[in-house]
PDB file of N, CA and C in Angstrom:
ATOM      1  N   MET A   1      35.867  -9.204 -47.641  1.00  0.00           N
ATOM      2  CA  MET A   1      34.567  -9.701 -47.281  1.00  0.00           C
ATOM      3  C   MET A   1      34.617 -10.440 -45.950  1.00  0.00           C
ATOM      4  N   LYS A   2      35.689 -11.271 -45.750  1.00  0.00           N
ATOM      5  CA  LYS A   2      35.813 -12.001 -44.492  1.00  0.00           C
ATOM      6  C   LYS A   2      35.957 -11.035 -43.327  1.00  0.00           C
ATOM      7  N   PHE A   3      36.691  -9.984 -43.533  1.00  0.00           N
ATOM      8  CA  PHE A   3      36.882  -8.993 -42.472  1.00  0.00           C
ATOM      9  C   PHE A   3      35.542  -8.371 -42.074  1.00  0.00           C
ATOM     10  N   PHE A   4      34.704  -8.082 -43.047  1.00  0.00           N
ATOM     11  CA  PHE A   4      33.394  -7.490 -42.784  1.00  0.00           C
ATOM     12  C   PHE A   4      32.510  -8.438 -41.974  1.00  0.00           C
ATOM     13  N   VAL A   5      32.505  -9.713 -42.322  1.00  0.00           N
ATOM     14  CA  VAL A   5      31.704 -10.716 -41.603  1.00  0.00           C
ATOM     15  C   VAL A   5      32.221 -10.861 -40.176  1.00  0.00           C
ATOM     16  N   ILE A   6      33.538 -10.918 -40.007  1.00  0.00           N
ATOM     17  CA  ILE A   6      34.123 -11.046 -38.665  1.00  0.00           C
ATOM     18  C   ILE A   6      33.784  -9.805 -37.834  1.00  0.00           C
ATOM     19  N   ALA A   7      33.860  -8.630 -38.443  1.00  0.00           N
ATOM     20  CA  ALA A   7      33.534  -7.391 -37.733  1.00  0.00           C
ATOM     21  C   ALA A   7      32.067  -7.385 -37.303  1.00  0.00           C
ATOM     22  N   LEU A   8      31.181  -7.869 -38.160  1.00  0.00           N
ATOM     23  CA  LEU A   8      29.761  -7.943 -37.799  1.00  0.00           C
ATOM     24  C   LEU A   8      29.518  -8.938 -36.665  1.00  0.00           C
ATOM     25  N   ILE A   9      30.202 -10.058 -36.690  1.00  0.00           N
ATOM     26  CA  ILE A   9      30.055 -11.060 -35.627  1.00  0.00           C
ATOM     27  C   ILE A   9      30.562 -10.493 -34.302  1.00  0.00           C
ATOM     28  N   VAL A  10      31.706  -9.809 -34.330  1.00  0.00           N
ATOM     29  CA  VAL A  10      32.244  -9.198 -33.108  1.00  0.00           C
ATOM     30  C   VAL A  10      31.275  -8.127 -32.593  1.00  0.00           C
ATOM     31  N   LEU A  11      30.748  -7.320 -33.492  1.00  0.00           N
ATOM     32  CA  LEU A  11      29.790  -6.290 -33.105  1.00  0.00           C
ATOM     33  C   LEU A  11      28.529  -6.913 -32.501  1.00  0.00           C
ATOM     34  N   LEU A  12      28.047  -7.979 -33.106  1.00  0.00           N
ATOM     35  CA  LEU A  12      26.883  -8.683 -32.577  1.00  0.00           C
ATOM     36  C   LEU A  12      27.181  -9.246 -31.193  1.00  0.00           C
ATOM     37  N   GLY A  13      28.356  -9.793 -31.002  1.00  0.00           N
ATOM     38  CA  GLY A  13      28.753 -10.315 -29.690  1.00  0.00           C
ATOM     39  C   GLY A  13      28.794  -9.219 -28.636  1.00  0.00           C
ATOM     40  N   LEU A  14      29.352  -8.064 -28.985  1.00  0.00           N
ATOM     41  CA  LEU A  14      29.396  -6.946 -28.038  1.00  0.00           C
ATOM     42  C   LEU A  14      27.996  -6.457 -27.681  1.00  0.00           C
ATOM     43  N   LEU A  15      27.129  -6.382 -28.668  1.00  0.00           N
ATOM     44  CA  LEU A  15      25.761  -5.946 -28.402  1.00  0.00           C
ATOM     45  C   LEU A  15      25.019  -6.952 -27.523  1.00  0.00           C
ATOM     46  N   GLN A  16      25.238  -8.229 -27.761  1.00  0.00           N
ATOM     47  CA  GLN A  16      24.611  -9.252 -26.923  1.00  0.00           C
ATOM     48  C   GLN A  16      25.141  -9.186 -25.489  1.00  0.00           C
ATOM     49  N   TYR A  17      26.427  -8.930 -25.359  1.00  0.00           N
ATOM     50  CA  TYR A  17      27.013  -8.802 -24.018  1.00  0.00           C
ATOM     51  C   TYR A  17      26.359  -7.642 -23.272  1.00  0.00           C
ATOM     52  N   ARG A  18      26.200  -6.495 -23.942  1.00  0.00           N
ATOM     53  CA  ARG A  18      25.578  -5.326 -23.300  1.00  0.00           C
ATOM     54  C   ARG A  18      24.109  -5.596 -22.971  1.00  0.00           C
ATOM     55  N   LEU A  19      23.452  -6.397 -23.816  1.00  0.00           N
ATOM     56  CA  LEU A  19      22.041  -6.684 -23.596  1.00  0.00           C
ATOM     57  C   LEU A  19      21.831  -7.560 -22.368  1.00  0.00           C
ATOM     58  N   TRP A  20      22.689  -8.532 -22.139  1.00  0.00           N
ATOM     59  CA  TRP A  20      22.467  -9.523 -21.083  1.00  0.00           C
ATOM     60  C   TRP A  20      23.254  -9.294 -19.810  1.00  0.00           C
ATOM     61  N   SER A  21      24.236  -8.388 -19.806  1.00  0.00           N
ATOM     62  CA  SER A  21      25.010  -8.153 -18.585  1.00  0.00           C
ATOM     63  C   SER A  21      25.395  -6.682 -18.500  1.00  0.00           C
ATOM     64  N   GLY A  22      25.807  -6.278 -17.301  1.00  0.00           N
ATOM     65  CA  GLY A  22      26.248  -4.902 -17.112  1.00  0.00           C
ATOM     66  C   GLY A  22      25.100  -3.956 -16.817  1.00  0.00           C
ATOM     67  N   ASP A  23      25.411  -2.675 -16.856  1.00  0.00           N
ATOM     68  CA  ASP A  23      24.409  -1.644 -16.603  1.00  0.00           C
ATOM     69  C   ASP A  23      23.395  -1.603 -17.740  1.00  0.00           C
ATOM     70  N   ASN A  24      22.161  -1.314 -17.386  1.00  0.00           N
ATOM     71  CA  ASN A  24      21.065  -1.206 -18.353  1.00  0.00           C
ATOM     72  C   ASN A  24      20.832  -2.495 -19.131  1.00  0.00           C
ATOM     73  N   SER A  25      21.069  -3.624 -18.482  1.00  0.00           N
ATOM     74  CA  SER A  25      20.854  -4.904 -19.145  1.00  0.00           C
ATOM     75  C   SER A  25      19.391  -5.315 -19.024  1.00  0.00           C
ATOM     76  N   LEU A  26      19.017  -6.328 -19.753  1.00  0.00           N
ATOM     77  CA  LEU A  26      17.650  -6.817 -19.746  1.00  0.00           C
ATOM     78  C   LEU A  26      17.232  -7.355 -18.372  1.00  0.00           C
ATOM     79  N   PRO A  27      18.044  -8.166 -17.691  1.00  0.00           N
ATOM     80  CA  PRO A  27      17.650  -8.611 -16.344  1.00  0.00           C
ATOM     81  C   PRO A  27      17.469  -7.441 -15.370  1.00  0.00           C
ATOM     82  N   GLU A  28      18.327  -6.447 -15.455  1.00  0.00           N
ATOM     83  CA  GLU A  28      18.198  -5.271 -14.590  1.00  0.00           C
ATOM     84  C   GLU A  28      16.905  -4.519 -14.906  1.00  0.00           C
ATOM     85  N   TYR A  29      16.533  -4.484 -16.162  1.00  0.00           N
ATOM     86  CA  TYR A  29      15.287  -3.837 -16.573  1.00  0.00           C
ATOM     87  C   TYR A  29      14.085  -4.502 -15.906  1.00  0.00           C
ATOM     88  N   PHE A  30      14.067  -5.838 -15.889  1.00  0.00           N
ATOM     89  CA  PHE A  30      12.944  -6.554 -15.279  1.00  0.00           C
ATOM     90  C   PHE A  30      12.902  -6.350 -13.767  1.00  0.00           C
ATOM     91  N   VAL A  31      14.061  -6.292 -13.132  1.00  0.00           N
ATOM     92  CA  VAL A  31      14.106  -6.020 -11.690  1.00  0.00           C
ATOM     93  C   VAL A  31      13.544  -4.631 -11.410  1.00  0.00           C
ATOM     94  N   LEU A  32      13.937  -3.667 -12.204  1.00  0.00           N
ATOM     95  CA  LEU A  32      13.438  -2.301 -12.024  1.00  0.00           C
ATOM     96  C   LEU A  32      11.935  -2.213 -12.273  1.00  0.00           C
ATOM     97  N   GLN A  33      11.427  -2.976 -13.236  1.00  0.00           N
ATOM     98  CA  GLN A  33       9.987  -2.984 -13.490  1.00  0.00           C
ATOM     99  C   GLN A  33       9.217  -3.520 -12.281  1.00  0.00           C
ATOM    100  N   LYS A  34       9.750  -4.559 -11.630  1.00  0.00           N
ATOM    101  CA  LYS A  34       9.116  -5.101 -10.422  1.00  0.00           C
ATOM    102  C   LYS A  34       9.151  -4.078  -9.290  1.00  0.00           C
ATOM    103  N   GLN A  35      10.262  -3.377  -9.154  1.00  0.00           N
ATOM    104  CA  GLN A  35      10.370  -2.359  -8.108  1.00  0.00           C
ATOM    105  C   GLN A  35       9.393  -1.210  -8.363  1.00  0.00           C
ATOM    106  N   ILE A  36       9.246  -0.831  -9.613  1.00  0.00           N
ATOM    107  CA  ILE A  36       8.302   0.237  -9.960  1.00  0.00           C
ATOM    108  C   ILE A  36       6.877  -0.192  -9.635  1.00  0.00           C
ATOM    109  N   ALA A  37       6.532  -1.431  -9.975  1.00  0.00           N
ATOM    110  CA  ALA A  37       5.179  -1.924  -9.685  1.00  0.00           C
ATOM    111  C   ALA A  37       4.922  -1.948  -8.184  1.00  0.00           C
ATOM    112  N   ALA A  38       5.910  -2.390  -7.401  1.00  0.00           N
ATOM    113  CA  ALA A  38       5.752  -2.424  -5.944  1.00  0.00           C
ATOM    114  C   ALA A  38       5.607  -1.011  -5.387  1.00  0.00           C
ATOM    115  N   GLN A  39       6.378  -0.080  -5.903  1.00  0.00           N
ATOM    116  CA  GLN A  39       6.298   1.308  -5.436  1.00  0.00           C
ATOM    117  C   GLN A  39       4.951   1.928  -5.796  1.00  0.00           C
ATOM    118  N   GLN A  40       4.453   1.639  -6.990  1.00  0.00           N
ATOM    119  CA  GLN A  40       3.153   2.173  -7.392  1.00  0.00           C
ATOM    120  C   GLN A  40       2.036   1.608  -6.520  1.00  0.00           C
ATOM    121  N   GLU A  41       2.145   0.338  -6.157  1.00  0.00           N
ATOM    122  CA  GLU A  41       1.153  -0.272  -5.263  1.00  0.00           C
ATOM    123  C   GLU A  41       1.191   0.394  -3.891  1.00  0.00           C
ATOM    124  N   GLY A  42       2.394   0.627  -3.387  1.00  0.00           N
ATOM    125  CA  GLY A  42       2.536   1.319  -2.108  1.00  0.00           C
ATOM    126  C   GLY A  42       1.987   2.732  -2.171  1.00  0.00           C
ATOM    127  N   ASN A  43       2.244   3.418  -3.276  1.00  0.00           N
ATOM    128  CA  ASN A  43       1.720   4.779  -3.454  1.00  0.00           C
ATOM    129  C   ASN A  43       0.198   4.784  -3.492  1.00  0.00           C
ATOM    130  N   ALA A  44      -0.390   3.784  -4.145  1.00  0.00           N
ATOM    131  CA  ALA A  44      -1.853   3.712  -4.212  1.00  0.00           C
ATOM    132  C   ALA A  44      -2.446   3.530  -2.819  1.00  0.00           C
ATOM    133  N   LYS A  45      -1.823   2.681  -1.996  1.00  0.00           N
ATOM    134  CA  LYS A  45      -2.303   2.475  -0.628  1.00  0.00           C
ATOM    135  C   LYS A  45      -2.182   3.762   0.182  1.00  0.00           C
ATOM    136  N   LEU A  46      -1.076   4.461   0.022  1.00  0.00           N
ATOM    137  CA  LEU A  46      -0.892   5.713   0.754  1.00  0.00           C
ATOM    138  C   LEU A  46      -1.870   6.789   0.282  1.00  0.00           C
ATOM    139  N   ASN A  47      -2.140   6.831  -1.015  1.00  0.00           N
ATOM    140  CA  ASN A  47      -3.119   7.795  -1.527  1.00  0.00           C
ATOM    141  C   ASN A  47      -4.511   7.509  -0.971  1.00  0.00           C
ATOM    142  N   GLU A  48      -4.850   6.228  -0.880  1.00  0.00           N
ATOM    143  CA  GLU A  48      -6.145   5.847  -0.309  1.00  0.00           C
ATOM    144  C   GLU A  48      -6.226   6.265   1.159  1.00  0.00           C
ATOM    145  N   ARG A  49      -5.154   6.028   1.891  1.00  0.00           N
ATOM    146  CA  ARG A  49      -5.107   6.421   3.308  1.00  0.00           C
ATOM    147  C   ARG A  49      -5.211   7.939   3.441  1.00  0.00           C
ATOM    148  N   ASN A  50      -4.503   8.667   2.581  1.00  0.00           N
ATOM    149  CA  ASN A  50      -4.572  10.132   2.608  1.00  0.00           C
ATOM    150  C   ASN A  50      -5.991  10.618   2.348  1.00  0.00           C
ATOM    151  N   GLN A  51      -6.679   9.975   1.418  1.00  0.00           N
ATOM    152  CA  GLN A  51      -8.050  10.378   1.110  1.00  0.00           C
ATOM    153  C   GLN A  51      -8.957  10.165   2.317  1.00  0.00           C
ATOM    154  N   VAL A  52      -8.787   9.046   3.012  1.00  0.00           N
ATOM    155  CA  VAL A  52      -9.584   8.785   4.215  1.00  0.00           C
ATOM    156  C   VAL A  52      -9.300   9.845   5.271  1.00  0.00           C
ATOM    157  N   LEU A  53      -8.028  10.187   5.441  1.00  0.00           N
ATOM    158  CA  LEU A  53      -7.674  11.208   6.428  1.00  0.00           C
ATOM    159  C   LEU A  53      -8.222  12.580   6.043  1.00  0.00           C
ATOM    160  N   LYS A  54      -8.187  12.914   4.756  1.00  0.00           N
ATOM    161  CA  LYS A  54      -8.749  14.191   4.300  1.00  0.00           C
ATOM    162  C   LYS A  54     -10.245  14.255   4.595  1.00  0.00           C
ATOM    163  N   GLU A  55     -10.949  13.152   4.321  1.00  0.00           N
ATOM    164  CA  GLU A  55     -12.386  13.118   4.595  1.00  0.00           C
ATOM    165  C   GLU A  55     -12.659  13.248   6.087  1.00  0.00           C
ATOM    166  N   GLU A  56     -11.826  12.624   6.902  1.00  0.00           N
ATOM    167  CA  GLU A  56     -11.996  12.728   8.346  1.00  0.00           C
ATOM    168  C   GLU A  56     -11.749  14.166   8.819  1.00  0.00           C
ATOM    169  N   ILE A  57     -10.756  14.823   8.252  1.00  0.00           N
ATOM    170  CA  ILE A  57     -10.470  16.219   8.616  1.00  0.00           C
ATOM    171  C   ILE A  57     -11.644  17.113   8.239  1.00  0.00           C
ATOM    172  N   ILE A  58     -12.176  16.918   7.038  1.00  0.00           N
ATOM    173  CA  ILE A  58     -13.332  17.714   6.605  1.00  0.00           C
ATOM    174  C   ILE A  58     -14.510  17.470   7.535  1.00  0.00           C
ATOM    175  N   ASP A  59     -14.724  16.209   7.905  1.00  0.00           N
ATOM    176  CA  ASP A  59     -15.823  15.863   8.803  1.00  0.00           C
ATOM    177  C   ASP A  59     -15.636  16.511  10.168  1.00  0.00           C
ATOM    178  N   LEU A  60     -14.405  16.508  10.664  1.00  0.00           N
ATOM    179  CA  LEU A  60     -14.143  17.115  11.970  1.00  0.00           C
ATOM    180  C   LEU A  60     -14.328  18.632  11.931  1.00  0.00           C
ATOM    181  N   LYS A  61     -13.965  19.243  10.810  1.00  0.00           N
ATOM    182  CA  LYS A  61     -14.099  20.695  10.697  1.00  0.00           C
ATOM    183  C   LYS A  61     -15.547  21.127  10.511  1.00  0.00           C
ATOM    184  N   SER A  62     -16.348  20.291   9.865  1.00  0.00           N
ATOM    185  CA  SER A  62     -17.688  20.732   9.483  1.00  0.00           C
ATOM    186  C   SER A  62     -18.779  20.385  10.485  1.00  0.00           C
ATOM    187  N   GLY A  63     -18.626  19.362  11.282  1.00  0.00           N
ATOM    188  CA  GLY A  63     -19.734  18.972  12.144  1.00  0.00           C
ATOM    189  C   GLY A  63     -19.288  18.531  13.515  1.00  0.00           C
ATOM    190  N   THR A  64     -20.270  18.464  14.404  1.00  0.00           N
ATOM    191  CA  THR A  64     -19.964  18.055  15.774  1.00  0.00           C
ATOM    192  C   THR A  64     -20.159  16.562  15.978  1.00  0.00           C
ATOM    193  N   GLU A  65     -20.820  15.880  15.039  1.00  0.00           N
ATOM    194  CA  GLU A  65     -21.043  14.441  15.192  1.00  0.00           C
ATOM    195  C   GLU A  65     -19.730  13.672  15.247  1.00  0.00           C
ATOM    196  N   ALA A  66     -18.803  14.003  14.377  1.00  0.00           N
ATOM    197  CA  ALA A  66     -17.526  13.293  14.350  1.00  0.00           C
ATOM    198  C   ALA A  66     -16.745  13.550  15.629  1.00  0.00           C
ATOM    199  N   ILE A  67     -16.794  14.777  16.122  1.00  0.00           N
ATOM    200  CA  ILE A  67     -16.085  15.097  17.368  1.00  0.00           C
ATOM    201  C   ILE A  67     -16.699  14.316  18.519  1.00  0.00           C
ATOM    202  N   GLU A  68     -18.035  14.263  18.548  1.00  0.00           N
ATOM    203  CA  GLU A  68     -18.726  13.524  19.605  1.00  0.00           C
ATOM    204  C   GLU A  68     -18.398  12.034  19.525  1.00  0.00           C
ATOM    205  N   GLU A  69     -18.368  11.490  18.313  1.00  0.00           N
ATOM    206  CA  GLU A  69     -18.056  10.072  18.136  1.00  0.00           C
ATOM    207  C   GLU A  69     -16.644   9.752  18.621  1.00  0.00           C
ATOM    208  N   ARG A  70     -15.692  10.603  18.275  1.00  0.00           N
ATOM    209  CA  ARG A  70     -14.311  10.379  18.729  1.00  0.00           C
ATOM    210  C   ARG A  70     -14.211  10.493  20.239  1.00  0.00           C
ATOM    211  N   ALA A  71     -14.918  11.462  20.829  1.00  0.00           N
ATOM    212  CA  ALA A  71     -14.885  11.622  22.282  1.00  0.00           C
ATOM    213  C   ALA A  71     -15.462  10.390  22.960  1.00  0.00           C
ATOM    214  N   ARG A  72     -16.509   9.824  22.404  1.00  0.00           N
ATOM    215  CA  ARG A  72     -17.115   8.627  22.992  1.00  0.00           C
ATOM    216  C   ARG A  72     -16.198   7.411  22.852  1.00  0.00           C
ATOM    217  N   ASN A  73     -15.681   7.198  21.653  1.00  0.00           N
ATOM    218  CA  ASN A  73     -14.899   5.988  21.392  1.00  0.00           C
ATOM    219  C   ASN A  73     -13.495   6.041  21.983  1.00  0.00           C
ATOM    220  N   GLU A  74     -12.818   7.159  21.827  1.00  0.00           N
ATOM    221  CA  GLU A  74     -11.414   7.229  22.225  1.00  0.00           C
ATOM    222  C   GLU A  74     -11.223   7.702  23.659  1.00  0.00           C
ATOM    223  N   LEU A  75     -12.100   8.571  24.139  1.00  0.00           N
ATOM    224  CA  LEU A  75     -11.926   9.129  25.481  1.00  0.00           C
ATOM    225  C   LEU A  75     -12.907   8.554  26.491  1.00  0.00           C
ATOM    226  N   GLY A  76     -13.895   7.780  26.033  1.00  0.00           N
ATOM    227  CA  GLY A  76     -14.852   7.165  26.936  1.00  0.00           C
ATOM    228  C   GLY A  76     -15.822   8.154  27.549  1.00  0.00           C
ATOM    229  N   MET A  77     -16.090   9.241  26.890  1.00  0.00           N
ATOM    230  CA  MET A  77     -16.993  10.262  27.427  1.00  0.00           C
ATOM    231  C   MET A  77     -18.451   9.863  27.180  1.00  0.00           C
ATOM    232  N   VAL A  78     -19.346  10.361  28.054  1.00  0.00           N
ATOM    233  CA  VAL A  78     -20.779  10.135  27.902  1.00  0.00           C
ATOM    234  C   VAL A  78     -21.492  11.474  27.994  1.00  0.00           C
ATOM    235  N   LYS A  79     -22.669  11.538  27.393  1.00  0.00           N
ATOM    236  CA  LYS A  79     -23.461  12.769  27.452  1.00  0.00           C
ATOM    237  C   LYS A  79     -24.086  12.925  28.826  1.00  0.00           C
ATOM    238  N   GLU A  80     -24.426  14.142  29.142  1.00  0.00           N
ATOM    239  CA  GLU A  80     -25.102  14.424  30.397  1.00  0.00           C
ATOM    240  C   GLU A  80     -26.483  13.757  30.364  1.00  0.00           C
ATOM    241  N   GLY A  81     -26.796  13.027  31.416  1.00  0.00           N
ATOM    242  CA  GLY A  81     -28.079  12.339  31.498  1.00  0.00           C
ATOM    243  C   GLY A  81     -28.031  10.913  30.976  1.00  0.00           C
ATOM    244  N   GLU A  82     -26.931  10.491  30.351  1.00  0.00           N
ATOM    245  CA  GLU A  82     -26.802   9.119  29.864  1.00  0.00           C
ATOM    246  C   GLU A  82     -26.239   8.233  30.966  1.00  0.00           C
ATOM    247  N   THR A  83     -26.529   6.956  30.869  1.00  0.00           N
ATOM    248  CA  THR A  83     -25.981   5.980  31.807  1.00  0.00           C
ATOM    249  C   THR A  83     -25.012   5.098  31.040  1.00  0.00           C
ATOM    250  N   PHE A  84     -23.833   4.919  31.597  1.00  0.00           N
ATOM    251  CA  PHE A  84     -22.789   4.130  30.953  1.00  0.00           C
ATOM    252  C   PHE A  84     -22.772   2.740  31.569  1.00  0.00           C
ATOM    253  N   TYR A  85     -22.840   1.713  30.748  1.00  0.00           N
ATOM    254  CA  TYR A  85     -22.778   0.328  31.206  1.00  0.00           C
ATOM    255  C   TYR A  85     -21.546  -0.316  30.593  1.00  0.00           C
ATOM    256  N   ARG A  86     -20.763  -0.982  31.421  1.00  0.00           N
ATOM    257  CA  ARG A  86     -19.586  -1.701  30.939  1.00  0.00           C
ATOM    258  C   ARG A  86     -19.828  -3.183  31.162  1.00  0.00           C
ATOM    259  N   VAL A  87     -19.710  -3.974  30.110  1.00  0.00           N
ATOM    260  CA  VAL A  87     -19.873  -5.420  30.199  1.00  0.00           C
ATOM    261  C   VAL A  87     -18.486  -6.009  30.351  1.00  0.00           C
ATOM    262  N   VAL A  88     -18.257  -6.669  31.491  1.00  0.00           N
ATOM    263  CA  VAL A  88     -16.945  -7.220  31.796  1.00  0.00           C
ATOM    264  C   VAL A  88     -17.004  -8.730  31.637  1.00  0.00           C
ATOM    265  N   GLY A  89     -15.920  -9.283  31.057  1.00  0.00           N
ATOM    266  CA  GLY A  89     -15.819 -10.733  30.926  1.00  0.00           C
ATOM    267  C   GLY A  89     -16.723 -11.248  29.824  1.00  0.00           C
ATOM    268  N   GLY A  90     -17.016 -12.530  29.921  1.00  0.00           N
ATOM    269  CA  GLY A  90     -17.884 -13.131  28.915  1.00  0.00           C
ATOM    270  C   GLY A  90     -17.100 -13.520  27.685  1.00  0.00           C
ATOM    271  N   ASP A  91     -17.669 -14.456  26.960  1.00  0.00           N
ATOM    272  CA  ASP A  91     -17.040 -14.930  25.730  1.00  0.00           C
ATOM    273  C   ASP A  91     -17.481 -14.037  24.582  1.00  0.00           C
ATOM    274  N   ARG A  92     -16.533 -13.446  23.890  1.00  0.00           N
ATOM    275  CA  ARG A  92     -16.851 -12.518  22.804  1.00  0.00           C
ATOM    276  C   ARG A  92     -17.141 -13.247  21.494  1.00  0.00           C
ATOM    277  N   SER A  93     -16.692 -14.485  21.372  1.00  0.00           N
ATOM    278  CA  SER A  93     -16.900 -15.201  20.119  1.00  0.00           C
ATOM    279  C   SER A  93     -18.239 -15.925  20.161  1.00  0.00           C
ATOM    280  N   VAL A  94     -18.903 -15.933  19.046  1.00  0.00           N
ATOM    281  CA  VAL A  94     -20.180 -16.627  18.935  1.00  0.00           C
ATOM    282  C   VAL A  94     -19.906 -17.943  18.241  1.00  0.00           C
ATOM    283  N   SER A  95     -20.280 -19.023  18.901  1.00  0.00           N
ATOM    284  CA  SER A  95     -20.030 -20.332  18.304  1.00  0.00           C
ATOM    285  C   SER A  95     -21.351 -20.946  17.887  1.00  0.00           C
ATOM    286  N   SER A  96     -21.331 -21.611  16.761  1.00  0.00           N
ATOM    287  CA  SER A  96     -22.537 -22.275  16.284  1.00  0.00           C
ATOM    288  C   SER A  96     -22.588 -23.673  16.877  1.00  0.00           C
ATOM    289  N   PRO A  97     -23.782 -24.196  17.106  1.00  0.00           N
ATOM    290  CA  PRO A  97     -23.888 -25.544  17.678  1.00  0.00           C
ATOM    291  C   PRO A  97     -23.324 -26.571  16.708  1.00  0.00           C
ATOM    292  N   SER A  98     -22.604 -27.522  17.252  1.00  0.00           N
ATOM    293  CA  SER A  98     -22.002 -28.555  16.399  1.00  0.00           C
ATOM    294  C   SER A  98     -23.059 -29.572  16.010  1.00  0.00           C
ATOM    295  N   GLN A  99     -22.976 -30.006  14.803  1.00  0.00           N
ATOM    296  CA  GLN A  99     -23.973 -30.958  14.301  1.00  0.00           C
ATOM    297  C   GLN A  99     -23.313 -32.250  13.942  1.00  0.00           C
TER     298      GLN A  99
END
């Protein structure tokens, strides 16, 4: 009977050792769970970005408005007959009067 109790205690000790240290331990499990959560968050951001890019591609393929908008904003182009005005200098921030 004593041998059986000692064997169970030794077995319990070995199982506790495996649970708290070494490969596949409980602390390692929690670290991996945090890494998985961070990776899933990163994947969600990338999926959102991909969706925006897909919508932009569809818009560019289907209409001329998006192409015209990009030409105006990125290349500084203007339509024939339009007048381009550039505002130079000046304070861009709007400040409220102090009270």
